[in-house]
Amino acid sequence: MTLAVEPSVPAQGALILQLTAWVQARPRTYAEAMDAWRTSCPRLSIWEDALAAGLIEVAPVPGAGLRGAAVRVTLQGAALLSAEADR
């Protein structure tokens, strides 16, 4: 399986996989994800690329606001991780 959004830097593909695996490892909040994965470098848009490729999603949690929203792996993201594990 290939990423729906081709990364502009080859290393980005590996980082997108790492982010997706990190999200899948345990429940994460939006705040936690931003603290760990936010970057101000326009060449490293790992978070945005993973969202655009449909590998992760941000789901609202009632009463939690954006920072408490759940970040989770999508079915497409889980399939990609599974395919990578089989390689």
PDB file of N, CA and C in Angstrom:
ATOM      1  N   MET A   1       0.848  -1.172   0.000  1.00  0.00           N
ATOM      2  CA  MET A   1       0.000   0.000   0.000  1.00  0.00           C
ATOM      3  C   MET A   1       0.890   1.230   0.000  1.00  0.00           C
ATOM      4  N   THR A   2       0.519   2.246  -0.748  1.00  0.00           N
ATOM      5  CA  THR A   2       1.289   3.484  -0.796  1.00  0.00           C
ATOM      6  C   THR A   2       0.486   4.607  -0.177  1.00  0.00           C
ATOM      7  N   LEU A   3       1.189   5.633   0.233  1.00  0.00           N
ATOM      8  CA  LEU A   3       0.527   6.795   0.811  1.00  0.00           C
ATOM      9  C   LEU A   3      -0.252   7.524  -0.268  1.00  0.00           C
ATOM     10  N   ALA A   4      -1.425   8.017   0.069  1.00  0.00           N
ATOM     11  CA  ALA A   4      -2.251   8.753  -0.880  1.00  0.00           C
ATOM     12  C   ALA A   4      -1.593  10.087  -1.231  1.00  0.00           C
ATOM     13  N   VAL A   5      -0.827  10.625  -0.301  1.00  0.00           N
ATOM     14  CA  VAL A   5      -0.110  11.870  -0.528  1.00  0.00           C
ATOM     15  C   VAL A   5       1.366  11.520  -0.561  1.00  0.00           C
ATOM     16  N   GLU A   6       1.992  11.726  -1.703  1.00  0.00           N
ATOM     17  CA  GLU A   6       3.412  11.427  -1.823  1.00  0.00           C
ATOM     18  C   GLU A   6       4.213  12.467  -1.048  1.00  0.00           C
ATOM     19  N   PRO A   7       5.026  12.055  -0.113  1.00  0.00           N
ATOM     20  CA  PRO A   7       5.832  13.022   0.624  1.00  0.00           C
ATOM     21  C   PRO A   7       6.864  13.683  -0.279  1.00  0.00           C
ATOM     22  N   SER A   8       7.141  14.958   0.000  1.00  0.00           N
ATOM     23  CA  SER A   8       8.102  15.684  -0.817  1.00  0.00           C
ATOM     24  C   SER A   8       9.536  15.304  -0.479  1.00  0.00           C
ATOM     25  N   VAL A   9       9.749  14.748   0.678  1.00  0.00           N
ATOM     26  CA  VAL A   9      11.064  14.305   1.108  1.00  0.00           C
ATOM     27  C   VAL A   9      10.946  12.820   1.427  1.00  0.00           C
ATOM     28  N   PRO A  10      11.818  11.950   0.865  1.00  0.00           N
ATOM     29  CA  PRO A  10      11.686  10.510   1.100  1.00  0.00           C
ATOM     30  C   PRO A  10      11.584  10.120   2.574  1.00  0.00           C
ATOM     31  N   ALA A  11      12.320  10.791   3.432  1.00  0.00           N
ATOM     32  CA  ALA A  11      12.273  10.456   4.857  1.00  0.00           C
ATOM     33  C   ALA A  11      10.902  10.722   5.461  1.00  0.00           C
ATOM     34  N   GLN A  12      10.129  11.586   4.829  1.00  0.00           N
ATOM     35  CA  GLN A  12       8.801  11.891   5.364  1.00  0.00           C
ATOM     36  C   GLN A  12       7.920  10.658   5.391  1.00  0.00           C
ATOM     37  N   GLY A  13       8.039   9.782   4.411  1.00  0.00           N
ATOM     38  CA  GLY A  13       7.230   8.574   4.396  1.00  0.00           C
ATOM     39  C   GLY A  13       7.448   7.751   5.650  1.00  0.00           C
ATOM     40  N   ALA A  14       8.698   7.613   6.056  1.00  0.00           N
ATOM     41  CA  ALA A  14       9.025   6.864   7.279  1.00  0.00           C
ATOM     42  C   ALA A  14       8.478   7.579   8.508  1.00  0.00           C
ATOM     43  N   LEU A  15       8.553   8.908   8.519  1.00  0.00           N
ATOM     44  CA  LEU A  15       8.025   9.657   9.660  1.00  0.00           C
ATOM     45  C   LEU A  15       6.502   9.566   9.735  1.00  0.00           C
ATOM     46  N   ILE A  16       5.846   9.553   8.584  1.00  0.00           N
ATOM     47  CA  ILE A  16       4.389   9.403   8.568  1.00  0.00           C
ATOM     48  C   ILE A  16       4.010   8.033   9.125  1.00  0.00           C
ATOM     49  N   LEU A  17       4.748   7.006   8.751  1.00  0.00           N
ATOM     50  CA  LEU A  17       4.508   5.674   9.318  1.00  0.00           C
ATOM     51  C   LEU A  17       4.744   5.678  10.824  1.00  0.00           C
ATOM     52  N   GLN A  18       5.802   6.357  11.259  1.00  0.00           N
ATOM     53  CA  GLN A  18       6.108   6.430  12.688  1.00  0.00           C
ATOM     54  C   GLN A  18       4.990   7.139  13.444  1.00  0.00           C
ATOM     55  N   LEU A  19       4.491   8.238  12.910  1.00  0.00           N
ATOM     56  CA  LEU A  19       3.375   8.946  13.536  1.00  0.00           C
ATOM     57  C   LEU A  19       2.143   8.044  13.613  1.00  0.00           C
ATOM     58  N   THR A  20       1.836   7.366  12.532  1.00  0.00           N
ATOM     59  CA  THR A  20       0.662   6.492  12.507  1.00  0.00           C
ATOM     60  C   THR A  20       0.791   5.376  13.539  1.00  0.00           C
ATOM     61  N   ALA A  21       1.962   4.780  13.640  1.00  0.00           N
ATOM     62  CA  ALA A  21       2.197   3.722  14.643  1.00  0.00           C
ATOM     63  C   ALA A  21       2.117   4.296  16.053  1.00  0.00           C
ATOM     64  N   TRP A  22       2.623   5.505  16.254  1.00  0.00           N
ATOM     65  CA  TRP A  22       2.579   6.158  17.563  1.00  0.00           C
ATOM     66  C   TRP A  22       1.132   6.382  17.995  1.00  0.00           C
ATOM     67  N   VAL A  23       0.302   6.832  17.063  1.00  0.00           N
ATOM     68  CA  VAL A  23      -1.116   7.051  17.365  1.00  0.00           C
ATOM     69  C   VAL A  23      -1.791   5.719  17.690  1.00  0.00           C
ATOM     70  N   GLN A  24      -1.451   4.679  16.956  1.00  0.00           N
ATOM     71  CA  GLN A  24      -2.091   3.378  17.156  1.00  0.00           C
ATOM     72  C   GLN A  24      -1.682   2.716  18.477  1.00  0.00           C
ATOM     73  N   ALA A  25      -0.518   3.070  19.005  1.00  0.00           N
ATOM     74  CA  ALA A  25       0.030   2.400  20.193  1.00  0.00           C
ATOM     75  C   ALA A  25      -0.866   2.524  21.433  1.00  0.00           C
ATOM     76  N   ARG A  26      -1.533   3.661  21.578  1.00  0.00           N
ATOM     77  CA  ARG A  26      -2.435   3.872  22.727  1.00  0.00           C
ATOM     78  C   ARG A  26      -3.289   5.097  22.459  1.00  0.00           C
ATOM     79  N   PRO A  27      -4.351   5.272  23.220  1.00  0.00           N
ATOM     80  CA  PRO A  27      -5.193   6.459  23.003  1.00  0.00           C
ATOM     81  C   PRO A  27      -4.381   7.754  23.142  1.00  0.00           C
ATOM     82  N   ARG A  28      -4.611   8.681  22.227  1.00  0.00           N
ATOM     83  CA  ARG A  28      -3.903   9.969  22.228  1.00  0.00           C
ATOM     84  C   ARG A  28      -4.912  11.101  22.121  1.00  0.00           C
ATOM     85  N   THR A  29      -4.585  12.215  22.747  1.00  0.00           N
ATOM     86  CA  THR A  29      -5.401  13.418  22.591  1.00  0.00           C
ATOM     87  C   THR A  29      -4.741  14.321  21.547  1.00  0.00           C
ATOM     88  N   TYR A  30      -5.526  15.256  21.053  1.00  0.00           N
ATOM     89  CA  TYR A  30      -5.007  16.229  20.106  1.00  0.00           C
ATOM     90  C   TYR A  30      -3.862  17.015  20.749  1.00  0.00           C
ATOM     91  N   ALA A  31      -4.033  17.409  22.003  1.00  0.00           N
ATOM     92  CA  ALA A  31      -2.988  18.171  22.694  1.00  0.00           C
ATOM     93  C   ALA A  31      -1.693  17.367  22.767  1.00  0.00           C
ATOM     94  N   GLU A  32      -1.797  16.108  23.109  1.00  0.00           N
ATOM     95  CA  GLU A  32      -0.612  15.254  23.195  1.00  0.00           C
ATOM     96  C   GLU A  32       0.060  15.115  21.827  1.00  0.00           C
ATOM     97  N   ALA A  33      -0.734  14.930  20.805  1.00  0.00           N
ATOM     98  CA  ALA A  33      -0.191  14.793  19.453  1.00  0.00           C
ATOM     99  C   ALA A  33       0.493  16.076  19.008  1.00  0.00           C
ATOM    100  N   MET A  34      -0.108  17.222  19.295  1.00  0.00           N
ATOM    101  CA  MET A  34       0.500  18.488  18.898  1.00  0.00           C
ATOM    102  C   MET A  34       1.800  18.734  19.660  1.00  0.00           C
ATOM    103  N   ASP A  35       1.820  18.374  20.926  1.00  0.00           N
ATOM    104  CA  ASP A  35       3.047  18.537  21.710  1.00  0.00           C
ATOM    105  C   ASP A  35       4.178  17.679  21.148  1.00  0.00           C
ATOM    106  N   ALA A  36       3.851  16.503  20.681  1.00  0.00           N
ATOM    107  CA  ALA A  36       4.871  15.576  20.185  1.00  0.00           C
ATOM    108  C   ALA A  36       5.213  15.763  18.720  1.00  0.00           C
ATOM    109  N   TRP A  37       4.257  16.165  17.887  1.00  0.00           N
ATOM    110  CA  TRP A  37       4.458  16.132  16.433  1.00  0.00           C
ATOM    111  C   TRP A  37       4.361  17.462  15.713  1.00  0.00           C
ATOM    112  N   ARG A  38       4.045  18.535  16.390  1.00  0.00           N
ATOM    113  CA  ARG A  38       3.932  19.829  15.719  1.00  0.00           C
ATOM    114  C   ARG A  38       5.315  20.303  15.278  1.00  0.00           C
ATOM    115  N   THR A  39       5.348  20.928  14.138  1.00  0.00           N
ATOM    116  CA  THR A  39       6.597  21.504  13.645  1.00  0.00           C
ATOM    117  C   THR A  39       6.303  22.826  12.967  1.00  0.00           C
ATOM    118  N   SER A  40       7.262  23.716  13.002  1.00  0.00           N
ATOM    119  CA  SER A  40       7.099  24.994  12.304  1.00  0.00           C
ATOM    120  C   SER A  40       7.820  24.964  10.957  1.00  0.00           C
ATOM    121  N   CYS A  41       8.400  23.819  10.622  1.00  0.00           N
ATOM    122  CA  CYS A  41       9.117  23.689   9.359  1.00  0.00           C
ATOM    123  C   CYS A  41       8.151  23.313   8.238  1.00  0.00           C
ATOM    124  N   PRO A  42       8.003  24.160   7.227  1.00  0.00           N
ATOM    125  CA  PRO A  42       7.058  23.852   6.148  1.00  0.00           C
ATOM    126  C   PRO A  42       7.467  22.631   5.324  1.00  0.00           C
ATOM    127  N   ARG A  43       8.693  22.189   5.415  1.00  0.00           N
ATOM    128  CA  ARG A  43       9.139  21.006   4.666  1.00  0.00           C
ATOM    129  C   ARG A  43       8.826  19.713   5.417  1.00  0.00           C
ATOM    130  N   LEU A  44       8.496  19.798   6.685  1.00  0.00           N
ATOM    131  CA  LEU A  44       8.158  18.613   7.467  1.00  0.00           C
ATOM    132  C   LEU A  44       6.715  18.700   7.928  1.00  0.00           C
ATOM    133  N   SER A  45       5.823  18.389   7.038  1.00  0.00           N
ATOM    134  CA  SER A  45       4.386  18.476   7.327  1.00  0.00           C
ATOM    135  C   SER A  45       3.836  17.085   7.636  1.00  0.00           C
ATOM    136  N   ILE A  46       4.482  16.385   8.535  1.00  0.00           N
ATOM    137  CA  ILE A  46       4.135  15.003   8.848  1.00  0.00           C
ATOM    138  C   ILE A  46       2.674  14.896   9.296  1.00  0.00           C
ATOM    139  N   TRP A  47       2.291  15.699  10.258  1.00  0.00           N
ATOM    140  CA  TRP A  47       0.925  15.677  10.788  1.00  0.00           C
ATOM    141  C   TRP A  47      -0.087  15.942   9.673  1.00  0.00           C
ATOM    142  N   GLU A  48       0.133  16.994   8.917  1.00  0.00           N
ATOM    143  CA  GLU A  48      -0.796  17.362   7.847  1.00  0.00           C
ATOM    144  C   GLU A  48      -0.855  16.292   6.758  1.00  0.00           C
ATOM    145  N   ASP A  49       0.304  15.722   6.413  1.00  0.00           N
ATOM    146  CA  ASP A  49       0.335  14.673   5.387  1.00  0.00           C
ATOM    147  C   ASP A  49      -0.412  13.423   5.832  1.00  0.00           C
ATOM    148  N   ALA A  50      -0.256  13.047   7.097  1.00  0.00           N
ATOM    149  CA  ALA A  50      -0.958  11.864   7.617  1.00  0.00           C
ATOM    150  C   ALA A  50      -2.472  12.094   7.620  1.00  0.00           C
ATOM    151  N   LEU A  51      -2.900  13.301   7.983  1.00  0.00           N
ATOM    152  CA  LEU A  51      -4.329  13.629   7.941  1.00  0.00           C
ATOM    153  C   LEU A  51      -4.844  13.626   6.505  1.00  0.00           C
ATOM    154  N   ALA A  52      -4.108  14.274   5.604  1.00  0.00           N
ATOM    155  CA  ALA A  52      -4.531  14.373   4.209  1.00  0.00           C
ATOM    156  C   ALA A  52      -4.592  13.001   3.537  1.00  0.00           C
ATOM    157  N   ALA A  53      -3.703  12.104   3.935  1.00  0.00           N
ATOM    158  CA  ALA A  53      -3.688  10.756   3.367  1.00  0.00           C
ATOM    159  C   ALA A  53      -4.760   9.862   3.978  1.00  0.00           C
ATOM    160  N   GLY A  54      -5.455  10.372   4.996  1.00  0.00           N
ATOM    161  CA  GLY A  54      -6.509   9.586   5.634  1.00  0.00           C
ATOM    162  C   GLY A  54      -5.983   8.485   6.535  1.00  0.00           C
ATOM    163  N   LEU A  55      -4.765   8.647   7.060  1.00  0.00           N
ATOM    164  CA  LEU A  55      -4.166   7.622   7.924  1.00  0.00           C
ATOM    165  C   LEU A  55      -4.539   7.805   9.386  1.00  0.00           C
ATOM    166  N   ILE A  56      -4.778   9.060   9.776  1.00  0.00           N
ATOM    167  CA  ILE A  56      -5.205   9.379  11.136  1.00  0.00           C
ATOM    168  C   ILE A  56      -6.381  10.340  11.042  1.00  0.00           C
ATOM    169  N   GLU A  57      -7.100  10.461  12.155  1.00  0.00           N
ATOM    170  CA  GLU A  57      -8.222  11.398  12.205  1.00  0.00           C
ATOM    171  C   GLU A  57      -8.328  11.985  13.600  1.00  0.00           C
ATOM    172  N   VAL A  58      -8.969  13.133  13.687  1.00  0.00           N
ATOM    173  CA  VAL A  58      -9.236  13.789  14.959  1.00  0.00           C
ATOM    174  C   VAL A  58     -10.733  13.693  15.183  1.00  0.00           C
ATOM    175  N   ALA A  59     -11.123  13.075  16.292  1.00  0.00           N
ATOM    176  CA  ALA A  59     -12.541  12.867  16.590  1.00  0.00           C
ATOM    177  C   ALA A  59     -12.918  13.642  17.851  1.00  0.00           C
ATOM    178  N   PRO A  60     -14.004  14.394  17.785  1.00  0.00           N
ATOM    179  CA  PRO A  60     -14.413  15.157  18.961  1.00  0.00           C
ATOM    180  C   PRO A  60     -14.772  14.247  20.134  1.00  0.00           C
ATOM    181  N   VAL A  61     -14.478  14.738  21.327  1.00  0.00           N
ATOM    182  CA  VAL A  61     -14.880  14.082  22.567  1.00  0.00           C
ATOM    183  C   VAL A  61     -15.784  15.084  23.272  1.00  0.00           C
ATOM    184  N   PRO A  62     -17.054  14.731  23.535  1.00  0.00           N
ATOM    185  CA  PRO A  62     -17.984  15.681  24.139  1.00  0.00           C
ATOM    186  C   PRO A  62     -17.410  16.342  25.394  1.00  0.00           C
ATOM    187  N   GLY A  63     -17.438  17.671  25.396  1.00  0.00           N
ATOM    188  CA  GLY A  63     -16.990  18.442  26.541  1.00  0.00           C
ATOM    189  C   GLY A  63     -15.489  18.600  26.671  1.00  0.00           C
ATOM    190  N   ALA A  64     -14.710  18.014  25.774  1.00  0.00           N
ATOM    191  CA  ALA A  64     -13.252  18.043  25.902  1.00  0.00           C
ATOM    192  C   ALA A  64     -12.598  19.162  25.106  1.00  0.00           C
ATOM    193  N   GLY A  65     -13.313  19.778  24.194  1.00  0.00           N
ATOM    194  CA  GLY A  65     -12.714  20.803  23.353  1.00  0.00           C
ATOM    195  C   GLY A  65     -11.701  20.196  22.392  1.00  0.00           C
ATOM    196  N   LEU A  66     -11.063  21.044  21.610  1.00  0.00           N
ATOM    197  CA  LEU A  66     -10.117  20.544  20.608  1.00  0.00           C
ATOM    198  C   LEU A  66      -8.929  19.838  21.257  1.00  0.00           C
ATOM    199  N   ARG A  67      -8.367  20.420  22.300  1.00  0.00           N
ATOM    200  CA  ARG A  67      -7.186  19.816  22.923  1.00  0.00           C
ATOM    201  C   ARG A  67      -7.471  18.435  23.497  1.00  0.00           C
ATOM    202  N   GLY A  68      -8.700  18.167  23.857  1.00  0.00           N
ATOM    203  CA  GLY A  68      -9.063  16.864  24.400  1.00  0.00           C
ATOM    204  C   GLY A  68      -9.638  15.910  23.365  1.00  0.00           C
ATOM    205  N   ALA A  69      -9.714  16.360  22.113  1.00  0.00           N
ATOM    206  CA  ALA A  69     -10.238  15.496  21.044  1.00  0.00           C
ATOM    207  C   ALA A  69      -9.351  14.263  20.899  1.00  0.00           C
ATOM    208  N   ALA A  70      -9.954  13.181  20.456  1.00  0.00           N
ATOM    209  CA  ALA A  70      -9.217  11.923  20.284  1.00  0.00           C
ATOM    210  C   ALA A  70      -8.540  11.901  18.922  1.00  0.00           C
ATOM    211  N   VAL A  71      -7.290  11.497  18.910  1.00  0.00           N
ATOM    212  CA  VAL A  71      -6.562  11.268  17.657  1.00  0.00           C
ATOM    213  C   VAL A  71      -6.472   9.763  17.515  1.00  0.00           C
ATOM    214  N   ARG A  72      -6.895   9.267  16.364  1.00  0.00           N
ATOM    215  CA  ARG A  72      -6.890   7.813  16.181  1.00  0.00           C
ATOM    216  C   ARG A  72      -6.530   7.442  14.749  1.00  0.00           C
ATOM    217  N   VAL A  73      -6.098   6.209  14.607  1.00  0.00           N
ATOM    218  CA  VAL A  73      -5.732   5.671  13.300  1.00  0.00           C
ATOM    219  C   VAL A  73      -7.005   5.258  12.574  1.00  0.00           C
ATOM    220  N   THR A  74      -7.082   5.575  11.301  1.00  0.00           N
ATOM    221  CA  THR A  74      -8.224   5.177  10.481  1.00  0.00           C
ATOM    222  C   THR A  74      -8.033   3.738  10.002  1.00  0.00           C
ATOM    223  N   LEU A  75      -9.048   3.197   9.365  1.00  0.00           N
ATOM    224  CA  LEU A  75      -8.915   1.860   8.780  1.00  0.00           C
ATOM    225  C   LEU A  75      -7.799   1.840   7.739  1.00  0.00           C
ATOM    226  N   GLN A  76      -7.695   2.912   6.960  1.00  0.00           N
ATOM    227  CA  GLN A  76      -6.633   3.001   5.957  1.00  0.00           C
ATOM    228  C   GLN A  76      -5.254   3.029   6.630  1.00  0.00           C
ATOM    229  N   GLY A  77      -5.139   3.752   7.725  1.00  0.00           N
ATOM    230  CA  GLY A  77      -3.875   3.804   8.454  1.00  0.00           C
ATOM    231  C   GLY A  77      -3.507   2.456   9.046  1.00  0.00           C
ATOM    232  N   ALA A  78      -4.494   1.764   9.603  1.00  0.00           N
ATOM    233  CA  ALA A  78      -4.251   0.435  10.174  1.00  0.00           C
ATOM    234  C   ALA A  78      -3.831  -0.547   9.084  1.00  0.00           C
ATOM    235  N   ALA A  79      -4.451  -0.433   7.920  1.00  0.00           N
ATOM    236  CA  ALA A  79      -4.086  -1.319   6.801  1.00  0.00           C
ATOM    237  C   ALA A  79      -2.648  -1.048   6.350  1.00  0.00           C
ATOM    238  N   LEU A  80      -2.259   0.214   6.311  1.00  0.00           N
ATOM    239  CA  LEU A  80      -0.902   0.551   5.925  1.00  0.00           C
ATOM    240  C   LEU A  80       0.098  -0.020   6.930  1.00  0.00           C
ATOM    241  N   LEU A  81      -0.183   0.138   8.217  1.00  0.00           N
ATOM    242  CA  LEU A  81       0.719  -0.402   9.239  1.00  0.00           C
ATOM    243  C   LEU A  81       0.806  -1.913   9.154  1.00  0.00           C
ATOM    244  N   SER A  82      -0.312  -2.556   8.905  1.00  0.00           N
ATOM    245  CA  SER A  82      -0.321  -4.006   8.765  1.00  0.00           C
ATOM    246  C   SER A  82       0.512  -4.444   7.567  1.00  0.00           C
ATOM    247  N   ALA A  83       0.363  -3.733   6.449  1.00  0.00           N
ATOM    248  CA  ALA A  83       1.136  -4.065   5.245  1.00  0.00           C
ATOM    249  C   ALA A  83       2.626  -3.862   5.488  1.00  0.00           C
ATOM    250  N   GLU A  84       2.978  -2.809   6.210  1.00  0.00           N
ATOM    251  CA  GLU A  84       4.387  -2.549   6.514  1.00  0.00           C
ATOM    252  C   GLU A  84       4.952  -3.627   7.435  1.00  0.00           C
ATOM    253  N   ALA A  85       4.134  -4.102   8.377  1.00  0.00           N
ATOM    254  CA  ALA A  85       4.587  -5.150   9.301  1.00  0.00           C
ATOM    255  C   ALA A  85       4.822  -6.464   8.570  1.00  0.00           C
ATOM    256  N   ASP A  86       4.100  -6.692   7.486  1.00  0.00           N
ATOM    257  CA  ASP A  86       4.237  -7.928   6.709  1.00  0.00           C
ATOM    258  C   ASP A  86       5.438  -7.885   5.771  1.00  0.00           C
ATOM    259  N   ARG A  87       6.049  -6.720   5.602  1.00  0.00           N
ATOM    260  CA  ARG A  87       7.192  -6.587   4.676  1.00  0.00           C
ATOM    261  C   ARG A  87       8.444  -7.133   5.270  1.00  0.00           C
TER     262      ARG A  87
END
